[in-house]
Protein backbone atom coordinates (compact mmCIF):
# COMPACT_ATOMS: atom_id res chain seq x y z
CA MET A 1 44.54 135.90 112.21
CA VAL A 2 46.85 134.29 114.79
CA ASP A 3 46.81 130.53 115.35
CA LEU A 4 48.00 129.29 118.76
CA LEU A 5 49.77 125.93 118.97
CA THR A 6 50.97 123.59 121.69
CA ALA A 7 54.68 122.83 122.18
CA ASP A 8 54.46 119.84 119.83
CA GLY A 9 52.76 121.87 117.10
CA ALA A 10 49.18 120.74 117.60
CA PRO A 11 46.35 123.31 117.68
CA ALA A 12 45.95 124.69 121.19
CA GLY A 13 42.75 124.12 123.14
CA ALA A 14 41.23 126.59 125.56
CA ILE A 15 43.50 129.53 126.52
CA ASP A 16 43.39 132.39 128.94
CA PRO A 17 41.78 135.61 127.66
CA VAL A 18 43.75 137.62 125.11
CA GLY A 19 43.81 141.43 125.32
CA VAL A 20 43.91 143.74 122.29
CA ASP A 21 44.92 147.42 122.50
CA TYR A 22 45.15 149.98 119.71
CA ARG A 23 47.54 152.95 119.65
CA ALA A 24 45.63 154.98 117.09
CA THR A 25 48.24 157.72 116.67
CA GLU A 26 51.00 155.28 115.73
CA GLY A 27 48.65 152.76 114.12
CA VAL A 28 49.87 149.87 116.28
CA ILE A 29 47.54 147.03 117.29
CA ARG A 30 48.89 145.04 120.27
CA ILE A 31 47.68 141.50 120.93
CA LYS A 32 48.66 140.65 124.52
CA LEU A 33 49.20 136.89 124.60
CA PRO A 34 48.42 134.66 127.60
CA GLU A 35 51.20 133.84 130.05
CA ALA A 36 51.22 130.24 128.79
CA ILE A 37 52.52 131.41 125.38
CA THR A 38 56.30 131.64 125.76
CA GLU A 39 57.72 131.03 122.26
CA SER A 40 57.20 132.10 118.67
CA ALA A 41 58.47 130.52 115.48
CA VAL A 42 59.06 133.99 113.96
CA ALA A 43 60.27 137.31 115.39
CA ASP A 44 58.68 139.59 112.79
CA SER A 45 56.91 139.44 109.47
CA LEU A 46 56.29 141.73 106.47
CA PHE A 47 52.85 142.12 104.88
CA ASP A 48 52.03 142.98 101.29
CA GLY A 49 48.82 144.96 101.61
CA ASP A 50 47.26 148.41 101.71
CA LEU A 51 46.48 148.50 105.45
CA ILE A 52 49.06 146.44 107.35
CA ASP A 53 52.80 146.88 106.95
CA ARG A 54 54.54 144.61 109.46
CA ALA A 55 54.15 142.62 112.69
CA PHE A 56 56.62 142.18 115.53
CA ILE A 57 56.67 139.54 118.29
CA VAL A 58 57.68 141.50 121.38
CA GLU A 59 58.83 140.41 124.82
CA THR A 60 57.31 143.08 127.05
CA GLY A 61 58.76 144.61 130.19
CA SER A 62 56.78 142.11 132.29
CA GLY A 63 58.30 139.17 130.41
CA ARG A 64 55.06 138.32 128.59
CA LEU A 65 54.81 138.08 124.80
CA ALA A 66 52.76 140.37 122.59
CA ILE A 67 52.19 140.77 118.87
CA ASP A 68 52.41 144.34 117.58
CA ILE A 69 50.72 144.79 114.21
CA HIS A 70 51.75 148.01 112.43
CA ALA A 71 49.40 149.78 110.05
CA VAL A 72 50.75 151.40 106.89
CA PRO A 73 51.56 155.04 107.78
CA GLY A 74 48.84 157.42 106.66
CA VAL A 75 45.94 154.96 106.53
CA SER A 76 42.68 155.43 108.43
CA LEU A 77 41.21 152.25 109.83
CA SER A 78 38.83 150.61 112.27
CA LEU A 79 39.17 147.18 113.83
CA ARG A 80 37.31 144.44 115.63
CA ALA A 81 39.03 141.65 117.58
CA TYR A 82 37.67 138.35 118.85
CA GLU A 83 38.80 134.83 119.83
CA ASN A 84 37.83 131.44 118.45
CA VAL A 85 38.25 128.13 120.27
CA SER A 86 38.96 124.57 119.09
CA PRO A 87 41.39 125.44 117.61
CA SER A 88 42.43 128.54 119.53
CA ARG A 89 42.68 131.51 117.21
CA VAL A 90 42.84 135.29 117.62
CA VAL A 91 41.15 137.22 114.81
CA VAL A 92 41.62 140.95 114.20
CA ASP A 93 39.28 142.29 111.52
CA ILE A 94 40.87 145.46 110.08
CA ARG A 95 39.03 147.70 107.64
CA PRO A 96 39.55 151.15 106.12
CA ASP A 97 37.59 153.91 107.84
CA SER A 98 37.50 157.31 106.16
CA GLU A 99 36.28 158.96 109.37
CA ALA A 100 39.25 157.79 111.47
CA THR A 101 42.37 159.91 111.96
CA PRO A 102 45.26 158.87 109.65
CA THR A 103 48.04 157.03 111.46
CA LEU A 104 51.51 158.54 111.83
CA GLY A 105 53.33 155.22 111.90
CA ALA A 106 56.38 154.29 113.96
CA ASN A 107 59.97 155.32 113.25
CA ALA A 108 62.23 152.38 112.47
CA ALA A 109 65.82 151.54 111.56
CA PRO A 110 67.65 148.20 111.40
CA GLY A 111 67.24 146.56 114.81
CA VAL A 112 65.09 149.24 116.45
CA VAL A 113 61.48 150.47 116.34
CA LEU A 114 60.62 153.75 118.10
CA LEU A 115 56.96 154.37 118.91
CA SER A 116 57.47 157.63 120.81
CA PRO A 117 58.31 160.45 121.14
CA HIS A 118 56.96 162.05 117.99
CA PRO A 119 58.70 164.91 116.21
CA GLY A 120 57.80 168.38 117.41
CA PRO A 121 57.33 170.14 120.75
CA THR A 122 58.38 168.27 123.89
CA GLU A 123 58.87 168.81 127.58
CA PRO A 124 62.38 168.90 129.14
CA SER A 125 61.73 165.28 130.17
CA VAL A 126 61.13 162.83 127.33
CA THR A 127 60.18 159.13 127.36
CA LEU A 128 61.35 156.75 124.65
CA GLU A 129 59.05 153.79 123.94
CA GLY A 130 59.70 151.03 121.47
CA TYR A 131 61.55 147.76 121.03
CA ALA A 132 64.89 146.53 119.80
CA ASN A 133 66.17 143.33 118.28
CA GLY A 134 66.57 141.04 121.28
CA ARG A 135 69.40 138.88 119.96
CA GLY A 136 71.67 140.86 122.28
CA GLY A 137 73.49 144.15 121.92
CA GLU A 138 73.37 147.74 123.04
CA LEU A 139 70.82 150.40 122.26
CA GLU A 140 72.59 153.74 121.78
CA ILE A 141 70.75 157.00 122.43
CA GLU A 142 72.02 160.51 121.75
CA ILE A 143 70.36 163.91 121.97
CA LEU A 144 72.10 166.54 119.88
CA GLY A 145 71.91 170.31 119.67
CA VAL A 146 71.43 172.10 116.36
CA ASP A 147 75.23 172.37 115.99
CA GLY A 148 75.67 168.62 116.53
CA ASP A 149 76.89 168.95 120.12
CA ILE A 150 75.93 166.03 122.36
CA VAL A 151 73.45 167.19 125.00
CA ALA A 152 72.79 163.72 126.49
CA GLU A 153 73.74 160.14 125.71
CA GLN A 154 72.88 156.73 127.12
CA THR A 155 73.40 153.07 126.30
CA HIS A 156 71.12 150.19 127.29
CA GLY A 157 71.71 146.47 126.99
CA VAL A 158 68.89 144.78 125.10
CA SER A 159 68.22 141.06 125.09
CA SER A 160 65.22 138.76 124.95
CA SER A 161 65.16 135.37 126.64
CA ALA A 162 63.03 134.15 123.74
CA GLY A 163 65.28 135.72 121.06
CA LEU A 164 62.49 138.07 119.96
CA TRP A 165 62.09 141.85 119.96
CA ARG A 166 62.51 143.40 123.41
CA GLU A 167 60.38 146.26 124.67
CA PHE A 168 62.02 149.32 126.25
CA VAL A 169 60.75 152.40 128.09
CA ILE A 170 63.56 154.90 128.77
CA GLY A 171 63.24 158.32 130.34
CA ILE A 172 65.64 161.22 129.77
CA ASP A 173 65.34 164.24 132.04
CA ASP A 174 66.64 167.80 132.28
CA LEU A 175 66.92 168.55 128.58
CA PRO A 176 67.87 172.13 127.70
CA ARG A 177 65.04 174.26 126.38
CA ARG A 178 66.11 174.50 122.75
CA GLN A 179 65.80 172.68 119.46
CA LEU A 180 67.21 169.18 119.63
CA GLU A 181 67.62 166.00 117.61
CA LEU A 182 67.08 162.53 119.05
CA VAL A 183 69.22 159.74 117.56
CA VAL A 184 68.54 156.07 118.37
CA ARG A 185 70.46 153.11 116.95
CA MET A 186 71.43 149.53 117.69
CA ALA A 187 75.20 149.23 118.02
CA GLY A 188 76.72 147.64 114.95
CA GLU A 189 73.72 148.29 112.70
CA SER A 190 73.95 150.48 109.60
CA GLY A 191 70.97 152.76 110.21
CA GLU A 192 69.47 154.95 112.92
CA VAL A 193 66.27 156.76 113.84
CA ARG A 194 66.49 160.58 113.88
CA ILE A 195 63.70 162.75 115.29
CA GLU A 196 63.67 166.52 115.63
CA LEU A 197 62.41 167.77 119.00
CA ASP A 198 61.62 171.29 120.15
CA ALA A 199 62.12 171.66 123.91
CA ARG A 200 61.90 175.44 123.90
CA ASN A 201 59.58 176.92 126.49
CA THR A 202 56.28 177.42 124.69
CA VAL A 203 54.25 178.22 127.80
CA ALA A 204 52.64 181.67 127.51
CA PRO A 205 53.97 184.16 130.08
CA ASP A 206 51.75 185.35 132.91
CA PRO A 207 49.88 188.55 132.12
CA PRO A 208 51.47 191.71 133.55
CA GLU A 209 50.14 193.02 136.83
CA VAL A 210 47.94 196.11 136.57
């Protein structure tokens, strides 16, 4: 349940519609907040439960705010979302669902959350989606070969005008067709996300001419 307040802390009245999306593979529920919502008292929060692990307040690429609610990796769930008015409140009803596909969860390290790519086969072009701590700093990305050689590397400045988590979508092209390891970290932090990728050509060859 998310309560919406005015700038002076009073319960908000009528608001623009709120959108809710669900990335079932990662187990991430996104509440897209109205444009009028520009601040949050918290940047993220931990949950002590069997279904929900953590929530992040994210400044998206469009500058709008969203709440990303992360399910516990491995759970299977269903959800229903609706809005209440007077006071304004967004309610997401989350329940276990044995028929749903178990979630993979996101990959995270101090200061960075990576939603995709997932470990395993990939194309020579890969897109990184996630968010980083928006207090300011650089996101460092490396792609390594099996011997630890650097195949590609990039840095991206990350900052949020609201001091929250900042969304990123970064594409890396022309990867060699071999086994690789993706490394993502926030500069100055103690941890990093490591994901094994397989960019080898797995397309079946054309049948021989007869």
